[in-house]
Amino acid sequence: MKKIILHKTFSIALAFLVLFSTVSFTIEKHYCGDVLVDVSVFSEAKKCDMEMPSMETFQKKSCCKDEVDVIKGQDELKFSSFDDLYFSQQLFVVAYAYSYNNLFEGLSQQITPHKDYSPPNLVADIQVLDQVFII
């Protein structure tokens, strides 16, 4: 039972590891001067009210700026099989798996023929009557 639960837990953990290593996303930040106004992970960051579309070309440059950080995930995954290993590596993997599998095999239950036998009641302690003691 514990082995099945442990196996499922590791399987789910590895699936999430593959999922999160392949996901890519962007982080947008909007600054007004030196003050951070908005941060957005999956959508566009909200602009502040000070930023106006410039109609005239000779107007001053805006004090607002946008930063975009792109975090790229893995593009390609490498799938390996048992046949890609050398023969000595295959032999080691098989021997290790076999010995590990048999490591936790339980012992066969031994039959004790005198399990239900009860000893006879003692009438007198013979060592005390004969005065024989182990020294």
C-alpha atoms as a PDB file:
ATOM      1  CA  MET A   1       0.000   0.000   0.000  1.00  0.00           C
ATOM      2  CA  LYS A   2       2.801   2.417   0.921  1.00  0.00           C
ATOM      3  CA  LYS A   3       4.666   1.499  -2.236  1.00  0.00           C
ATOM      4  CA  ILE A   4       1.680   2.394  -4.429  1.00  0.00           C
ATOM      5  CA  ILE A   5       1.141   5.741  -2.681  1.00  0.00           C
ATOM      6  CA  LEU A   6       4.856   6.566  -2.934  1.00  0.00           C
ATOM      7  CA  HIS A   7       4.873   5.629  -6.622  1.00  0.00           C
ATOM      8  CA  LYS A   8       1.862   7.848  -7.375  1.00  0.00           C
ATOM      9  CA  THR A   9       3.338  10.752  -5.418  1.00  0.00           C
ATOM     10  CA  PHE A  10       6.618  10.620  -7.342  1.00  0.00           C
ATOM     11  CA  SER A  11       4.754  10.301 -10.649  1.00  0.00           C
ATOM     12  CA  ILE A  12       2.689  13.405  -9.957  1.00  0.00           C
ATOM     13  CA  ALA A  13       5.744  15.346  -8.788  1.00  0.00           C
ATOM     14  CA  LEU A  14       7.684  14.485 -11.943  1.00  0.00           C
ATOM     15  CA  ALA A  15       4.703  15.388 -14.151  1.00  0.00           C
ATOM     16  CA  PHE A  16       4.503  18.825 -12.510  1.00  0.00           C
ATOM     17  CA  LEU A  17       8.273  19.235 -12.903  1.00  0.00           C
ATOM     18  CA  VAL A  18       8.016  18.597 -16.650  1.00  0.00           C
ATOM     19  CA  LEU A  19       4.992  20.891 -16.922  1.00  0.00           C
ATOM     20  CA  PHE A  20       6.595  23.834 -15.121  1.00  0.00           C
ATOM     21  CA  SER A  21       9.925  23.458 -16.928  1.00  0.00           C
ATOM     22  CA  THR A  22       8.228  23.775 -20.323  1.00  0.00           C
ATOM     23  CA  VAL A  23       5.881  26.701 -19.534  1.00  0.00           C
ATOM     24  CA  SER A  24       7.023  30.158 -20.650  1.00  0.00           C
ATOM     25  CA  PHE A  25       5.466  33.475 -19.640  1.00  0.00           C
ATOM     26  CA  THR A  26       6.075  37.250 -19.621  1.00  0.00           C
ATOM     27  CA  ILE A  27       6.151  39.747 -16.778  1.00  0.00           C
ATOM     28  CA  GLU A  28       5.307  43.342 -17.674  1.00  0.00           C
ATOM     29  CA  LYS A  29       6.178  46.244 -15.359  1.00  0.00           C
ATOM     30  CA  HIS A  30       5.068  49.860 -15.773  1.00  0.00           C
ATOM     31  CA  TYR A  31       7.124  52.582 -14.094  1.00  0.00           C
ATOM     32  CA  CYS A  32       6.094  56.199 -13.750  1.00  0.00           C
ATOM     33  CA  GLY A  33       9.370  57.963 -13.038  1.00  0.00           C
ATOM     34  CA  ASP A  34      11.107  55.684 -10.566  1.00  0.00           C
ATOM     35  CA  VAL A  35       7.894  54.416  -8.971  1.00  0.00           C
ATOM     36  CA  LEU A  36       6.538  50.996  -9.898  1.00  0.00           C
ATOM     37  CA  VAL A  37       2.877  51.456 -10.810  1.00  0.00           C
ATOM     38  CA  ASP A  38       1.727  48.039 -12.043  1.00  0.00           C
ATOM     39  CA  VAL A  39       3.030  44.518 -12.517  1.00  0.00           C
ATOM     40  CA  SER A  40       1.254  42.004 -14.703  1.00  0.00           C
ATOM     41  CA  VAL A  41       2.134  38.386 -15.406  1.00  0.00           C
ATOM     42  CA  PHE A  42      -0.144  37.189 -18.219  1.00  0.00           C
ATOM     43  CA  SER A  43      -1.853  40.377 -19.412  1.00  0.00           C
ATOM     44  CA  GLU A  44      -0.736  43.876 -20.325  1.00  0.00           C
ATOM     45  CA  ALA A  45       0.228  46.159 -17.430  1.00  0.00           C
ATOM     46  CA  LYS A  46      -2.108  49.117 -16.758  1.00  0.00           C
ATOM     47  CA  LYS A  47      -0.721  52.489 -17.729  1.00  0.00           C
ATOM     48  CA  CYS A  48      -0.756  55.470 -15.414  1.00  0.00           C
ATOM     49  CA  ASP A  49      -2.706  58.661 -16.126  1.00  0.00           C
ATOM     50  CA  MET A  50       0.414  60.718 -16.745  1.00  0.00           C
ATOM     51  CA  GLU A  51       1.195  58.921 -19.961  1.00  0.00           C
ATOM     52  CA  MET A  52      -0.572  60.649 -22.846  1.00  0.00           C
ATOM     53  CA  PRO A  53      -0.331  59.857 -26.494  1.00  0.00           C
ATOM     54  CA  SER A  54       1.931  62.429 -28.062  1.00  0.00           C
ATOM     55  CA  MET A  55       0.262  64.244 -30.928  1.00  0.00           C
ATOM     56  CA  GLU A  56       3.114  66.604 -31.556  1.00  0.00           C
ATOM     57  CA  THR A  57       6.597  65.407 -32.399  1.00  0.00           C
ATOM     58  CA  PHE A  58       8.356  68.208 -30.531  1.00  0.00           C
ATOM     59  CA  GLN A  59       6.645  67.414 -27.208  1.00  0.00           C
ATOM     60  CA  LYS A  60       8.774  66.306 -24.255  1.00  0.00           C
ATOM     61  CA  LYS A  61       9.603  62.658 -23.830  1.00  0.00           C
ATOM     62  CA  SER A  62       7.282  60.791 -21.433  1.00  0.00           C
ATOM     63  CA  CYS A  63       8.498  60.060 -17.916  1.00  0.00           C
ATOM     64  CA  CYS A  64       6.848  56.628 -17.993  1.00  0.00           C
ATOM     65  CA  LYS A  65       8.546  53.451 -19.141  1.00  0.00           C
ATOM     66  CA  ASP A  66       7.614  49.809 -19.595  1.00  0.00           C
ATOM     67  CA  GLU A  67       9.767  46.762 -18.877  1.00  0.00           C
ATOM     68  CA  VAL A  68       9.004  43.331 -20.259  1.00  0.00           C
ATOM     69  CA  ASP A  69      10.743  40.236 -18.854  1.00  0.00           C
ATOM     70  CA  VAL A  70      10.292  37.057 -20.874  1.00  0.00           C
ATOM     71  CA  ILE A  71      10.896  33.767 -19.066  1.00  0.00           C
ATOM     72  CA  LYS A  72      11.257  31.043 -21.661  1.00  0.00           C
ATOM     73  CA  GLY A  73      10.636  27.432 -20.874  1.00  0.00           C
ATOM     74  CA  GLN A  74      12.273  24.429 -22.402  1.00  0.00           C
ATOM     75  CA  ASP A  75      11.454  23.963 -26.080  1.00  0.00           C
ATOM     76  CA  GLU A  76      12.541  20.376 -26.582  1.00  0.00           C
ATOM     77  CA  LEU A  77      12.364  17.396 -24.277  1.00  0.00           C
ATOM     78  CA  LYS A  78      14.731  14.481 -24.654  1.00  0.00           C
ATOM     79  CA  PHE A  79      13.120  11.062 -24.478  1.00  0.00           C
ATOM     80  CA  SER A  80      15.514   8.266 -23.601  1.00  0.00           C
ATOM     81  CA  SER A  81      14.814   4.582 -23.731  1.00  0.00           C
ATOM     82  CA  PHE A  82      16.383   1.494 -22.235  1.00  0.00           C
ATOM     83  CA  ASP A  83      17.923   0.650 -25.625  1.00  0.00           C
ATOM     84  CA  ASP A  84      20.007   3.860 -25.620  1.00  0.00           C
ATOM     85  CA  LEU A  85      22.160   2.530 -22.761  1.00  0.00           C
ATOM     86  CA  TYR A  86      25.310   0.457 -23.242  1.00  0.00           C
ATOM     87  CA  PHE A  87      25.148  -3.259 -22.465  1.00  0.00           C
ATOM     88  CA  SER A  88      27.057  -2.880 -19.178  1.00  0.00           C
ATOM     89  CA  GLN A  89      24.691  -0.107 -18.084  1.00  0.00           C
ATOM     90  CA  GLN A  90      21.668  -2.221 -19.003  1.00  0.00           C
ATOM     91  CA  LEU A  91      23.093  -5.135 -17.039  1.00  0.00           C
ATOM     92  CA  PHE A  92      23.653  -2.906 -13.999  1.00  0.00           C
ATOM     93  CA  VAL A  93      20.097  -1.484 -14.157  1.00  0.00           C
ATOM     94  CA  VAL A  94      18.538  -4.948 -14.420  1.00  0.00           C
ATOM     95  CA  ALA A  95      20.663  -6.355 -11.585  1.00  0.00           C
ATOM     96  CA  TYR A  96      19.926  -3.357  -9.356  1.00  0.00           C
ATOM     97  CA  ALA A  97      16.176  -3.514 -10.032  1.00  0.00           C
ATOM     98  CA  TYR A  98      16.091  -7.273  -9.383  1.00  0.00           C
ATOM     99  CA  SER A  99      18.036  -7.026  -6.111  1.00  0.00           C
ATOM    100  CA  TYR A 100      16.011  -4.014  -4.935  1.00  0.00           C
ATOM    101  CA  ASN A 101      12.736  -5.774  -5.710  1.00  0.00           C
ATOM    102  CA  ASN A 102      13.771  -8.886  -3.771  1.00  0.00           C
ATOM    103  CA  LEU A 103      15.181  -6.848  -0.893  1.00  0.00           C
ATOM    104  CA  PHE A 104      11.770  -6.215   0.636  1.00  0.00           C
ATOM    105  CA  GLU A 105      10.347  -9.681   0.046  1.00  0.00           C
ATOM    106  CA  GLY A 106       8.956 -11.022   3.308  1.00  0.00           C
ATOM    107  CA  LEU A 107      10.078 -14.232   4.959  1.00  0.00           C
ATOM    108  CA  SER A 108       7.856 -17.262   4.678  1.00  0.00           C
ATOM    109  CA  GLN A 109       5.872 -17.894   7.834  1.00  0.00           C
ATOM    110  CA  GLN A 110       7.402 -20.722   9.821  1.00  0.00           C
ATOM    111  CA  ILE A 111       5.202 -23.305  11.487  1.00  0.00           C
ATOM    112  CA  THR A 112       5.902 -23.948  15.170  1.00  0.00           C
ATOM    113  CA  PRO A 113       4.533 -27.371  16.161  1.00  0.00           C
ATOM    114  CA  HIS A 114       4.557 -26.692  19.910  1.00  0.00           C
ATOM    115  CA  LYS A 115       2.747 -23.315  19.756  1.00  0.00           C
ATOM    116  CA  ASP A 116      -0.337 -24.548  21.655  1.00  0.00           C
ATOM    117  CA  TYR A 117       1.567 -26.785  24.104  1.00  0.00           C
ATOM    118  CA  SER A 118       1.334 -25.757  27.724  1.00  0.00           C
ATOM    119  CA  PRO A 119       3.959 -27.110  30.128  1.00  0.00           C
ATOM    120  CA  PRO A 120       2.880 -29.258  33.100  1.00  0.00           C
ATOM    121  CA  ASN A 121       2.222 -27.603  36.436  1.00  0.00           C
ATOM    122  CA  LEU A 122       5.148 -27.735  38.870  1.00  0.00           C
ATOM    123  CA  VAL A 123       4.301 -29.357  42.171  1.00  0.00           C
ATOM    124  CA  ALA A 124       7.589 -28.514  43.857  1.00  0.00           C
ATOM    125  CA  ASP A 125      10.769 -26.722  42.888  1.00  0.00           C
ATOM    126  CA  ILE A 126      13.220 -29.612  42.392  1.00  0.00           C
ATOM    127  CA  GLN A 127      16.352 -27.426  42.567  1.00  0.00           C
ATOM    128  CA  VAL A 128      15.401 -26.183  46.007  1.00  0.00           C
ATOM    129  CA  LEU A 129      14.454 -29.691  47.227  1.00  0.00           C
ATOM    130  CA  ASP A 130      17.759 -31.197  46.071  1.00  0.00           C
ATOM    131  CA  GLN A 131      19.787 -28.083  47.040  1.00  0.00           C
ATOM    132  CA  VAL A 132      21.453 -27.957  43.597  1.00  0.00           C
ATOM    133  CA  PHE A 133      22.225 -24.469  42.329  1.00  0.00           C
ATOM    134  CA  ILE A 134      24.250 -23.212  39.387  1.00  0.00           C
ATOM    135  CA  ILE A 135      27.085 -21.054  40.629  1.00  0.00           C
END
